[in-house]
Amino acid sequence: MPDAIFLSKFTPLPRIFFADDFDEGVNGWCELIGNHDGDLNKVRKVMEDLRPPQLSNANFFDIGSHGSLSGTYSLKLATRAKAGHMAQAIKRTTSRCDGRVRVECYFTYKAEQIFGSDTQWDGNVDPSERNFGDFTISNDICEGDDGRRYHIALRYLNTDKTGALVQRWMYKTSVQPSTKMVMSKMVKPNYDYHVVNEGDWQPVPGGHQPFCYNEIPTKINWHYLRWDFDTRTRRSVELQVNNLVMPLQDIPVPVYDHPYKALNRLMNFCFDVRTHRPVRNFLFLDSVVVSFEQP
């Protein structure tokens, strides 16, 4: 696709950092694995099986290939059919300047089709919508020689663990436990990858947002997402998903109280998907564009 047409779907800041069209490949998005010394048995449980992202033509049993928003391939994250399992894709970069950063993407999500379900179906609302757990967009920032590090994470919680619909954006209130923290016994091994305790999440004000699930597991509709954060203030600025705009400047971001070395100017970008039931959950990314306000 010509660059001008591709970028016209987005509203980037003046300096485009990268523009990933997954018809052209994985563009550096890979599976996250926990720290180890060469012995993979030392990878923490919560990070030992985060599954590699894959290029997908969104193939379904009833219609064949669904394709992407523009083209054939999207980047697909797929969990295992295991309650609590998460799949994550990460792109590792460093920052060239401090300031406002904009992440934009087109995404969709689904739970896998379940055959022979006993749940009653009314021809409109499909029970599979309650089989989708959550997905999260996040970053990993380390500022430089002083080792100041933090993660900002915004989660769309579709259902709780009982399968009840929540459909709300959430922000986290604790740091992401690191291998260093667990090995030094600063924290216990965590169940939720992003936070110390499973309940360390709060609703984003005005963040209730039902999506177009479109009735059955094999119909996908693409959604626009724009997330702005500022590395000068260590804060999110704003989240827009389709027509809903959520100011985030007043939401605090947890910062580690100890330094991290060998991570100068670290700037990683992540997407993940998590299932709450023994049903595979999928997150599809058609394209991702990241831009800076600074030259």
C-alpha atoms as a PDB file:
ATOM      1  CA  MET A   1       0.000   0.000   0.000  1.00  0.00           C
ATOM      2  CA  PRO A   2       1.400   3.473  -0.830  1.00  0.00           C
ATOM      3  CA  ASP A   3       2.700   5.281   2.263  1.00  0.00           C
ATOM      4  CA  ALA A   4       0.333   8.246   1.896  1.00  0.00           C
ATOM      5  CA  ILE A   5      -2.742   6.030   1.801  1.00  0.00           C
ATOM      6  CA  PHE A   6      -1.486   3.887   4.688  1.00  0.00           C
ATOM      7  CA  LEU A   7      -0.748   6.887   6.921  1.00  0.00           C
ATOM      8  CA  SER A   8      -4.014   8.632   6.063  1.00  0.00           C
ATOM      9  CA  LYS A   9      -5.760   6.183   8.413  1.00  0.00           C
ATOM     10  CA  PHE A  10      -3.774   7.654  11.322  1.00  0.00           C
ATOM     11  CA  THR A  11      -3.145  11.013  12.983  1.00  0.00           C
ATOM     12  CA  PRO A  12       0.555  10.868  13.845  1.00  0.00           C
ATOM     13  CA  LEU A  13       2.649  13.466  15.625  1.00  0.00           C
ATOM     14  CA  PRO A  14       5.281  15.283  13.487  1.00  0.00           C
ATOM     15  CA  ARG A  15       8.050  12.655  13.718  1.00  0.00           C
ATOM     16  CA  ILE A  16       7.014   9.123  12.744  1.00  0.00           C
ATOM     17  CA  PHE A  17       9.132   6.578  14.609  1.00  0.00           C
ATOM     18  CA  PHE A  18       7.791   3.465  12.908  1.00  0.00           C
ATOM     19  CA  ALA A  19       4.781   2.517  10.796  1.00  0.00           C
ATOM     20  CA  ASP A  20       4.152  -1.226  10.813  1.00  0.00           C
ATOM     21  CA  ASP A  21       1.944  -2.771   8.153  1.00  0.00           C
ATOM     22  CA  PHE A  22       1.808  -6.483   8.923  1.00  0.00           C
ATOM     23  CA  ASP A  23       1.302  -7.349   5.269  1.00  0.00           C
ATOM     24  CA  GLU A  24       5.041  -6.623   5.103  1.00  0.00           C
ATOM     25  CA  GLY A  25       6.110  -8.906   7.966  1.00  0.00           C
ATOM     26  CA  VAL A  26       6.292  -8.984  11.746  1.00  0.00           C
ATOM     27  CA  ASN A  27       8.321  -5.734  11.866  1.00  0.00           C
ATOM     28  CA  GLY A  28      10.256  -6.660  15.000  1.00  0.00           C
ATOM     29  CA  TRP A  29       7.299  -7.695  17.176  1.00  0.00           C
ATOM     30  CA  CYS A  30       8.238 -10.859  19.043  1.00  0.00           C
ATOM     31  CA  GLU A  31       7.414 -12.990  22.058  1.00  0.00           C
ATOM     32  CA  LEU A  32       8.452 -11.691  25.474  1.00  0.00           C
ATOM     33  CA  ILE A  33      10.433 -14.084  27.625  1.00  0.00           C
ATOM     34  CA  GLY A  34      11.551 -13.534  31.199  1.00  0.00           C
ATOM     35  CA  ASN A  35      15.164 -13.028  32.255  1.00  0.00           C
ATOM     36  CA  HIS A  36      17.398 -16.081  32.627  1.00  0.00           C
ATOM     37  CA  ASP A  37      21.084 -17.029  32.714  1.00  0.00           C
ATOM     38  CA  GLY A  38      20.822 -19.482  29.840  1.00  0.00           C
ATOM     39  CA  ASP A  39      18.827 -21.976  31.879  1.00  0.00           C
ATOM     40  CA  LEU A  40      15.228 -21.661  30.666  1.00  0.00           C
ATOM     41  CA  ASN A  41      14.015 -23.442  33.791  1.00  0.00           C
ATOM     42  CA  LYS A  42      14.807 -20.205  35.649  1.00  0.00           C
ATOM     43  CA  VAL A  43      12.279 -18.143  33.690  1.00  0.00           C
ATOM     44  CA  ARG A  44       9.508 -17.030  36.037  1.00  0.00           C
ATOM     45  CA  LYS A  45       6.256 -18.955  35.767  1.00  0.00           C
ATOM     46  CA  VAL A  46       4.249 -15.896  34.741  1.00  0.00           C
ATOM     47  CA  MET A  47       6.588 -15.304  31.767  1.00  0.00           C
ATOM     48  CA  GLU A  48       7.549 -18.787  30.622  1.00  0.00           C
ATOM     49  CA  ASP A  49       4.874 -19.277  27.946  1.00  0.00           C
ATOM     50  CA  LEU A  50       3.764 -15.942  26.489  1.00  0.00           C
ATOM     51  CA  ARG A  51       3.526 -17.399  22.955  1.00  0.00           C
ATOM     52  CA  PRO A  52       5.058 -15.869  19.816  1.00  0.00           C
ATOM     53  CA  PRO A  53       2.872 -13.553  17.742  1.00  0.00           C
ATOM     54  CA  GLN A  54       2.154 -14.781  14.235  1.00  0.00           C
ATOM     55  CA  LEU A  55       1.101 -13.373  10.905  1.00  0.00           C
ATOM     56  CA  SER A  56      -2.490 -14.390  10.265  1.00  0.00           C
ATOM     57  CA  ASN A  57      -5.022 -14.084   7.465  1.00  0.00           C
ATOM     58  CA  ALA A  58      -7.726 -14.474  10.162  1.00  0.00           C
ATOM     59  CA  ASN A  59      -8.873 -17.868   8.967  1.00  0.00           C
ATOM     60  CA  PHE A  60     -12.154 -19.198  10.369  1.00  0.00           C
ATOM     61  CA  PHE A  61     -13.874 -22.541   9.950  1.00  0.00           C
ATOM     62  CA  ASP A  62     -17.017 -21.155   8.330  1.00  0.00           C
ATOM     63  CA  ILE A  63     -15.814 -18.470   5.901  1.00  0.00           C
ATOM     64  CA  GLY A  64     -12.127 -19.196   5.344  1.00  0.00           C
ATOM     65  CA  SER A  65      -9.853 -16.131   5.256  1.00  0.00           C
ATOM     66  CA  HIS A  66     -11.223 -12.913   6.731  1.00  0.00           C
ATOM     67  CA  GLY A  67      -8.077 -10.928   5.963  1.00  0.00           C
ATOM     68  CA  SER A  68      -7.046  -7.680   7.633  1.00  0.00           C
ATOM     69  CA  LEU A  69      -8.385  -4.131   7.496  1.00  0.00           C
ATOM     70  CA  SER A  70      -6.170  -3.310   4.513  1.00  0.00           C
ATOM     71  CA  GLY A  71      -4.608  -6.354   2.918  1.00  0.00           C
ATOM     72  CA  THR A  72      -4.314  -9.979   3.908  1.00  0.00           C
ATOM     73  CA  TYR A  73      -2.236 -10.285   7.076  1.00  0.00           C
ATOM     74  CA  SER A  74      -2.550  -8.986  10.615  1.00  0.00           C
ATOM     75  CA  LEU A  75      -0.414  -9.733  13.671  1.00  0.00           C
ATOM     76  CA  LYS A  76      -2.228 -12.300  15.805  1.00  0.00           C
ATOM     77  CA  LEU A  77      -1.725 -12.987  19.510  1.00  0.00           C
ATOM     78  CA  ALA A  78      -3.294 -16.228  20.706  1.00  0.00           C
ATOM     79  CA  THR A  79      -3.566 -17.583  24.235  1.00  0.00           C
ATOM     80  CA  ARG A  80      -3.686 -21.219  25.155  1.00  0.00           C
ATOM     81  CA  ALA A  81      -7.034 -22.730  26.177  1.00  0.00           C
ATOM     82  CA  LYS A  82      -6.102 -22.333  29.828  1.00  0.00           C
ATOM     83  CA  ALA A  83      -7.708 -19.966  32.324  1.00  0.00           C
ATOM     84  CA  GLY A  84      -5.318 -17.144  33.205  1.00  0.00           C
ATOM     85  CA  HIS A  85      -3.009 -17.695  30.231  1.00  0.00           C
ATOM     86  CA  MET A  86      -1.604 -14.597  28.535  1.00  0.00           C
ATOM     87  CA  ALA A  87       0.084 -14.031  25.166  1.00  0.00           C
ATOM     88  CA  GLN A  88       2.199 -10.931  24.646  1.00  0.00           C
ATOM     89  CA  ALA A  89       4.003  -9.244  21.747  1.00  0.00           C
ATOM     90  CA  ILE A  90       6.794  -6.742  22.375  1.00  0.00           C
ATOM     91  CA  LYS A  91       8.731  -4.349  20.157  1.00  0.00           C
ATOM     92  CA  ARG A  92      12.048  -3.252  21.673  1.00  0.00           C
ATOM     93  CA  THR A  93      13.388   0.225  20.886  1.00  0.00           C
ATOM     94  CA  THR A  94      15.155   3.155  22.542  1.00  0.00           C
ATOM     95  CA  SER A  95      14.005   6.777  22.646  1.00  0.00           C
ATOM     96  CA  ARG A  96      15.771   9.587  20.788  1.00  0.00           C
ATOM     97  CA  CYS A  97      14.147  12.390  22.787  1.00  0.00           C
ATOM     98  CA  ASP A  98      11.881  13.138  25.732  1.00  0.00           C
ATOM     99  CA  GLY A  99       8.316  14.269  25.257  1.00  0.00           C
ATOM    100  CA  ARG A 100       4.978  13.171  23.937  1.00  0.00           C
ATOM    101  CA  VAL A 101       4.699   9.776  22.245  1.00  0.00           C
ATOM    102  CA  ARG A 102       1.673   8.594  20.263  1.00  0.00           C
ATOM    103  CA  VAL A 103       0.761   4.945  19.676  1.00  0.00           C
ATOM    104  CA  GLU A 104      -1.947   4.248  17.095  1.00  0.00           C
ATOM    105  CA  CYS A 105      -3.307   0.963  15.843  1.00  0.00           C
ATOM    106  CA  TYR A 106      -6.273  -0.822  14.352  1.00  0.00           C
ATOM    107  CA  PHE A 107      -7.217  -3.914  16.320  1.00  0.00           C
ATOM    108  CA  THR A 108      -9.888  -6.512  16.853  1.00  0.00           C
ATOM    109  CA  TYR A 109     -10.380  -9.380  19.288  1.00  0.00           C
ATOM    110  CA  LYS A 110     -12.288 -12.644  19.539  1.00  0.00           C
ATOM    111  CA  ALA A 111     -12.758 -15.765  21.645  1.00  0.00           C
ATOM    112  CA  GLU A 112     -12.413 -19.075  19.833  1.00  0.00           C
ATOM    113  CA  GLN A 113     -15.552 -20.776  18.554  1.00  0.00           C
ATOM    114  CA  ILE A 114     -16.821 -23.422  20.992  1.00  0.00           C
ATOM    115  CA  PHE A 115     -18.725 -26.305  19.435  1.00  0.00           C
ATOM    116  CA  GLY A 116     -21.574 -28.130  21.132  1.00  0.00           C
ATOM    117  CA  SER A 117     -22.072 -25.477  23.795  1.00  0.00           C
ATOM    118  CA  ASP A 118     -25.095 -25.915  26.055  1.00  0.00           C
ATOM    119  CA  THR A 119     -25.490 -22.151  26.477  1.00  0.00           C
ATOM    120  CA  GLN A 120     -28.709 -20.855  24.965  1.00  0.00           C
ATOM    121  CA  TRP A 121     -28.349 -18.582  21.951  1.00  0.00           C
ATOM    122  CA  ASP A 122     -30.962 -16.026  20.884  1.00  0.00           C
ATOM    123  CA  GLY A 123     -29.653 -15.490  17.350  1.00  0.00           C
ATOM    124  CA  ASN A 124     -28.093 -12.131  18.226  1.00  0.00           C
ATOM    125  CA  VAL A 125     -25.954 -12.116  21.375  1.00  0.00           C
ATOM    126  CA  ASP A 126     -23.442 -14.947  21.159  1.00  0.00           C
ATOM    127  CA  PRO A 127     -22.231 -16.525  24.424  1.00  0.00           C
ATOM    128  CA  SER A 128     -18.646 -16.443  23.110  1.00  0.00           C
ATOM    129  CA  GLU A 129     -18.451 -12.728  23.951  1.00  0.00           C
ATOM    130  CA  ARG A 130     -18.317 -13.751  27.609  1.00  0.00           C
ATOM    131  CA  ASN A 131     -15.409 -16.089  26.867  1.00  0.00           C
ATOM    132  CA  PHE A 132     -13.074 -13.192  26.080  1.00  0.00           C
ATOM    133  CA  GLY A 133     -11.084 -11.970  29.086  1.00  0.00           C
ATOM    134  CA  ASP A 134      -8.993  -8.838  28.511  1.00  0.00           C
ATOM    135  CA  PHE A 135      -6.280  -7.195  26.453  1.00  0.00           C
ATOM    136  CA  THR A 136      -3.662  -4.629  27.473  1.00  0.00           C
ATOM    137  CA  ILE A 137      -1.494  -2.028  25.774  1.00  0.00           C
ATOM    138  CA  SER A 138       1.626  -1.041  27.702  1.00  0.00           C
ATOM    139  CA  ASN A 139       5.154   0.309  27.554  1.00  0.00           C
ATOM    140  CA  ASP A 140       8.447  -0.145  29.413  1.00  0.00           C
ATOM    141  CA  ILE A 141      10.441   3.051  29.954  1.00  0.00           C
ATOM    142  CA  CYS A 142      13.858   3.537  31.576  1.00  0.00           C
ATOM    143  CA  GLU A 143      15.194   7.073  31.552  1.00  0.00           C
ATOM    144  CA  GLY A 144      18.955   6.761  31.622  1.00  0.00           C
ATOM    145  CA  ASP A 145      21.940   6.629  33.946  1.00  0.00           C
ATOM    146  CA  ASP A 146      19.861   7.005  37.112  1.00  0.00           C
ATOM    147  CA  GLY A 147      17.890   3.862  36.230  1.00  0.00           C
ATOM    148  CA  ARG A 148      14.425   5.381  36.782  1.00  0.00           C
ATOM    149  CA  ARG A 149      11.999   2.895  35.263  1.00  0.00           C
ATOM    150  CA  TYR A 150       8.239   2.510  34.940  1.00  0.00           C
ATOM    151  CA  HIS A 151       5.537   0.792  32.910  1.00  0.00           C
ATOM    152  CA  ILE A 152       2.261   2.375  31.875  1.00  0.00           C
ATOM    153  CA  ALA A 153      -0.467  -0.199  31.233  1.00  0.00           C
ATOM    154  CA  LEU A 154      -4.050   0.300  30.065  1.00  0.00           C
ATOM    155  CA  ARG A 155      -6.275  -2.757  30.075  1.00  0.00           C
ATOM    156  CA  TYR A 156      -9.620  -3.378  28.433  1.00  0.00           C
ATOM    157  CA  LEU A 157     -11.402  -5.699  30.861  1.00  0.00           C
ATOM    158  CA  ASN A 158     -14.123  -7.391  28.855  1.00  0.00           C
ATOM    159  CA  THR A 159     -15.209  -9.854  31.563  1.00  0.00           C
ATOM    160  CA  ASP A 160     -14.382 -10.753  35.124  1.00  0.00           C
ATOM    161  CA  LYS A 161     -13.363 -14.271  36.096  1.00  0.00           C
ATOM    162  CA  THR A 162     -16.991 -15.382  36.345  1.00  0.00           C
ATOM    163  CA  GLY A 163     -17.677 -14.397  32.736  1.00  0.00           C
ATOM    164  CA  ALA A 164     -19.761 -11.354  33.657  1.00  0.00           C
ATOM    165  CA  LEU A 165     -19.352  -8.497  31.181  1.00  0.00           C
ATOM    166  CA  VAL A 166     -17.387  -5.510  32.505  1.00  0.00           C
ATOM    167  CA  GLN A 167     -16.363  -3.789  29.236  1.00  0.00           C
ATOM    168  CA  ARG A 168     -14.271  -1.088  30.862  1.00  0.00           C
ATOM    169  CA  TRP A 169     -10.806   0.415  30.521  1.00  0.00           C
ATOM    170  CA  MET A 170      -8.588   0.022  33.591  1.00  0.00           C
ATOM    171  CA  TYR A 171      -5.251   1.423  34.787  1.00  0.00           C
ATOM    172  CA  LYS A 172      -2.798  -0.266  37.135  1.00  0.00           C
ATOM    173  CA  THR A 173      -1.797   0.949  40.595  1.00  0.00           C
ATOM    174  CA  SER A 174       1.392  -1.034  41.295  1.00  0.00           C
ATOM    175  CA  VAL A 175       4.649  -1.645  39.477  1.00  0.00           C
ATOM    176  CA  GLN A 176       5.188  -4.656  37.281  1.00  0.00           C
ATOM    177  CA  PRO A 177       7.140  -7.219  39.326  1.00  0.00           C
ATOM    178  CA  SER A 178      10.551  -7.734  37.753  1.00  0.00           C
ATOM    179  CA  THR A 179      12.806 -10.780  37.894  1.00  0.00           C
ATOM    180  CA  LYS A 180      15.110  -8.748  40.136  1.00  0.00           C
ATOM    181  CA  MET A 181      12.263  -8.072  42.583  1.00  0.00           C
ATOM    182  CA  VAL A 182      11.165 -11.708  42.718  1.00  0.00           C
ATOM    183  CA  MET A 183      14.712 -13.094  43.063  1.00  0.00           C
ATOM    184  CA  SER A 184      15.482 -10.655  45.898  1.00  0.00           C
ATOM    185  CA  LYS A 185      12.143 -11.547  47.565  1.00  0.00           C
ATOM    186  CA  MET A 186      10.901  -7.954  47.389  1.00  0.00           C
ATOM    187  CA  VAL A 187       7.612  -9.394  46.103  1.00  0.00           C
ATOM    188  CA  LYS A 188       6.070 -12.828  45.809  1.00  0.00           C
ATOM    189  CA  PRO A 189       5.709 -14.475  42.383  1.00  0.00           C
ATOM    190  CA  ASN A 190       2.757 -12.780  40.687  1.00  0.00           C
ATOM    191  CA  TYR A 191      -0.273 -14.217  38.885  1.00  0.00           C
ATOM    192  CA  ASP A 192      -1.112 -11.088  36.873  1.00  0.00           C
ATOM    193  CA  TYR A 193       1.962 -10.207  34.816  1.00  0.00           C
ATOM    194  CA  HIS A 194       1.431  -6.430  35.094  1.00  0.00           C
ATOM    195  CA  VAL A 195       0.925  -5.913  38.850  1.00  0.00           C
ATOM    196  CA  VAL A 196       2.109  -7.031  42.282  1.00  0.00           C
ATOM    197  CA  ASN A 197      -1.363  -8.068  43.435  1.00  0.00           C
ATOM    198  CA  GLU A 198      -4.164  -9.222  41.194  1.00  0.00           C
ATOM    199  CA  GLY A 199      -6.513  -6.476  42.375  1.00  0.00           C
ATOM    200  CA  ASP A 200      -4.121  -3.592  41.639  1.00  0.00           C
ATOM    201  CA  TRP A 201      -6.339  -2.109  38.925  1.00  0.00           C
ATOM    202  CA  GLN A 202      -8.744   0.839  38.948  1.00  0.00           C
ATOM    203  CA  PRO A 203     -11.346   1.978  36.385  1.00  0.00           C
ATOM    204  CA  VAL A 204     -10.354   4.753  34.001  1.00  0.00           C
ATOM    205  CA  PRO A 205     -12.874   7.584  34.575  1.00  0.00           C
ATOM    206  CA  GLY A 206     -15.428   7.537  31.780  1.00  0.00           C
ATOM    207  CA  GLY A 207     -13.898   4.321  30.490  1.00  0.00           C
ATOM    208  CA  HIS A 208     -16.944   2.088  30.067  1.00  0.00           C
ATOM    209  CA  GLN A 209     -16.976   1.057  26.400  1.00  0.00           C
ATOM    210  CA  PRO A 210     -18.903  -1.844  24.861  1.00  0.00           C
ATOM    211  CA  PHE A 211     -17.396  -2.759  21.486  1.00  0.00           C
ATOM    212  CA  CYS A 212     -18.919  -4.090  18.287  1.00  0.00           C
ATOM    213  CA  TYR A 213     -18.386  -7.806  18.908  1.00  0.00           C
ATOM    214  CA  ASN A 214     -20.709  -8.585  15.981  1.00  0.00           C
ATOM    215  CA  GLU A 215     -22.647 -11.519  17.331  1.00  0.00           C
ATOM    216  CA  ILE A 216     -20.474 -14.565  16.509  1.00  0.00           C
ATOM    217  CA  PRO A 217     -16.788 -15.532  16.934  1.00  0.00           C
ATOM    218  CA  THR A 218     -16.008 -15.530  13.203  1.00  0.00           C
ATOM    219  CA  LYS A 219     -17.032 -11.961  12.360  1.00  0.00           C
ATOM    220  CA  ILE A 220     -14.332  -9.401  13.064  1.00  0.00           C
ATOM    221  CA  ASN A 221     -14.732  -5.617  13.059  1.00  0.00           C
ATOM    222  CA  TRP A 222     -11.684  -3.354  13.289  1.00  0.00           C
ATOM    223  CA  HIS A 223     -11.353  -0.628  15.939  1.00  0.00           C
ATOM    224  CA  TYR A 224      -9.101   2.444  16.057  1.00  0.00           C
ATOM    225  CA  LEU A 225      -6.930   3.135  19.123  1.00  0.00           C
ATOM    226  CA  ARG A 226      -4.745   6.154  19.915  1.00  0.00           C
ATOM    227  CA  TRP A 227      -2.709   6.374  23.118  1.00  0.00           C
ATOM    228  CA  ASP A 228      -0.584   9.406  24.029  1.00  0.00           C
ATOM    229  CA  PHE A 229       1.941   9.404  26.863  1.00  0.00           C
ATOM    230  CA  ASP A 230       4.667  11.870  27.886  1.00  0.00           C
ATOM    231  CA  THR A 231       8.106  10.771  29.068  1.00  0.00           C
ATOM    232  CA  ARG A 232       8.792  14.204  30.583  1.00  0.00           C
ATOM    233  CA  THR A 233       5.960  13.846  33.086  1.00  0.00           C
ATOM    234  CA  ARG A 234       5.931  10.019  33.341  1.00  0.00           C
ATOM    235  CA  ARG A 235       2.197  10.127  32.657  1.00  0.00           C
ATOM    236  CA  SER A 236      -0.333   9.045  30.114  1.00  0.00           C
ATOM    237  CA  VAL A 237      -1.984  11.981  28.364  1.00  0.00           C
ATOM    238  CA  GLU A 238      -5.009  10.606  26.554  1.00  0.00           C
ATOM    239  CA  LEU A 239      -6.589   7.418  25.241  1.00  0.00           C
ATOM    240  CA  GLN A 240      -8.940   7.418  22.267  1.00  0.00           C
ATOM    241  CA  VAL A 241     -10.680   4.231  21.150  1.00  0.00           C
ATOM    242  CA  ASN A 242     -13.057   4.763  18.252  1.00  0.00           C
ATOM    243  CA  ASN A 243     -15.156   7.790  19.297  1.00  0.00           C
ATOM    244  CA  LEU A 244     -14.428   7.603  23.038  1.00  0.00           C
ATOM    245  CA  VAL A 245     -11.707   9.976  24.301  1.00  0.00           C
ATOM    246  CA  MET A 246     -10.434   9.513  27.860  1.00  0.00           C
ATOM    247  CA  PRO A 247      -8.166  12.141  29.510  1.00  0.00           C
ATOM    248  CA  LEU A 248      -5.448  10.399  31.529  1.00  0.00           C
ATOM    249  CA  GLN A 249      -3.184  13.212  32.819  1.00  0.00           C
ATOM    250  CA  ASP A 250      -4.410  12.872  36.399  1.00  0.00           C
ATOM    251  CA  ILE A 251      -3.892   9.109  36.611  1.00  0.00           C
ATOM    252  CA  PRO A 252      -0.705   8.285  38.561  1.00  0.00           C
ATOM    253  CA  VAL A 253       1.902   5.940  37.104  1.00  0.00           C
ATOM    254  CA  PRO A 254       3.794   3.646  39.517  1.00  0.00           C
ATOM    255  CA  VAL A 255       7.587   4.088  39.345  1.00  0.00           C
ATOM    256  CA  TYR A 256      10.115   1.600  40.717  1.00  0.00           C
ATOM    257  CA  ASP A 257      11.768   2.744  43.945  1.00  0.00           C
ATOM    258  CA  HIS A 258      15.080   1.145  42.910  1.00  0.00           C
ATOM    259  CA  PRO A 259      17.256   1.628  39.804  1.00  0.00           C
ATOM    260  CA  TYR A 260      17.735  -0.632  36.791  1.00  0.00           C
ATOM    261  CA  LYS A 261      21.057  -0.782  34.955  1.00  0.00           C
ATOM    262  CA  ALA A 262      21.916  -1.419  31.288  1.00  0.00           C
ATOM    263  CA  LEU A 263      18.535  -0.017  30.179  1.00  0.00           C
ATOM    264  CA  ASN A 264      19.480   3.536  29.156  1.00  0.00           C
ATOM    265  CA  ARG A 265      16.734   5.171  27.047  1.00  0.00           C
ATOM    266  CA  LEU A 266      14.740   1.935  26.974  1.00  0.00           C
ATOM    267  CA  MET A 267      11.376   2.309  25.238  1.00  0.00           C
ATOM    268  CA  ASN A 268       9.473  -0.907  24.631  1.00  0.00           C
ATOM    269  CA  PHE A 269       5.924  -1.243  23.309  1.00  0.00           C
ATOM    270  CA  CYS A 270       3.669  -4.188  24.196  1.00  0.00           C
ATOM    271  CA  PHE A 271       0.274  -5.688  23.456  1.00  0.00           C
ATOM    272  CA  ASP A 272      -1.137  -8.693  25.273  1.00  0.00           C
ATOM    273  CA  VAL A 273      -4.307 -10.744  25.526  1.00  0.00           C
ATOM    274  CA  ARG A 274      -5.464 -12.905  28.450  1.00  0.00           C
ATOM    275  CA  THR A 275      -8.193 -15.495  28.779  1.00  0.00           C
ATOM    276  CA  HIS A 276     -10.156 -16.069  31.982  1.00  0.00           C
ATOM    277  CA  ARG A 277     -11.583 -19.402  30.845  1.00  0.00           C
ATOM    278  CA  PRO A 278     -10.288 -22.592  29.193  1.00  0.00           C
ATOM    279  CA  VAL A 279     -10.988 -20.994  25.802  1.00  0.00           C
ATOM    280  CA  ARG A 280      -8.397 -19.507  23.466  1.00  0.00           C
ATOM    281  CA  ASN A 281      -8.545 -15.715  23.131  1.00  0.00           C
ATOM    282  CA  PHE A 282      -7.193 -13.776  20.158  1.00  0.00           C
ATOM    283  CA  LEU A 283      -6.006 -10.206  19.603  1.00  0.00           C
ATOM    284  CA  PHE A 284      -5.407  -9.079  16.003  1.00  0.00           C
ATOM    285  CA  LEU A 285      -3.411  -5.965  15.027  1.00  0.00           C
ATOM    286  CA  ASP A 286      -3.838  -4.727  11.469  1.00  0.00           C
ATOM    287  CA  SER A 287      -1.177  -2.028  11.770  1.00  0.00           C
ATOM    288  CA  VAL A 288       0.700   0.019  14.383  1.00  0.00           C
ATOM    289  CA  VAL A 289       2.135   3.540  14.038  1.00  0.00           C
ATOM    290  CA  VAL A 290       4.250   5.259  16.718  1.00  0.00           C
ATOM    291  CA  SER A 291       5.248   8.919  16.471  1.00  0.00           C
ATOM    292  CA  PHE A 292       6.994  11.626  18.543  1.00  0.00           C
ATOM    293  CA  GLU A 293       6.209  15.321  18.916  1.00  0.00           C
ATOM    294  CA  GLN A 294       9.939  16.133  19.104  1.00  0.00           C
ATOM    295  CA  PRO A 295      12.308  16.066  16.090  1.00  0.00           C
END
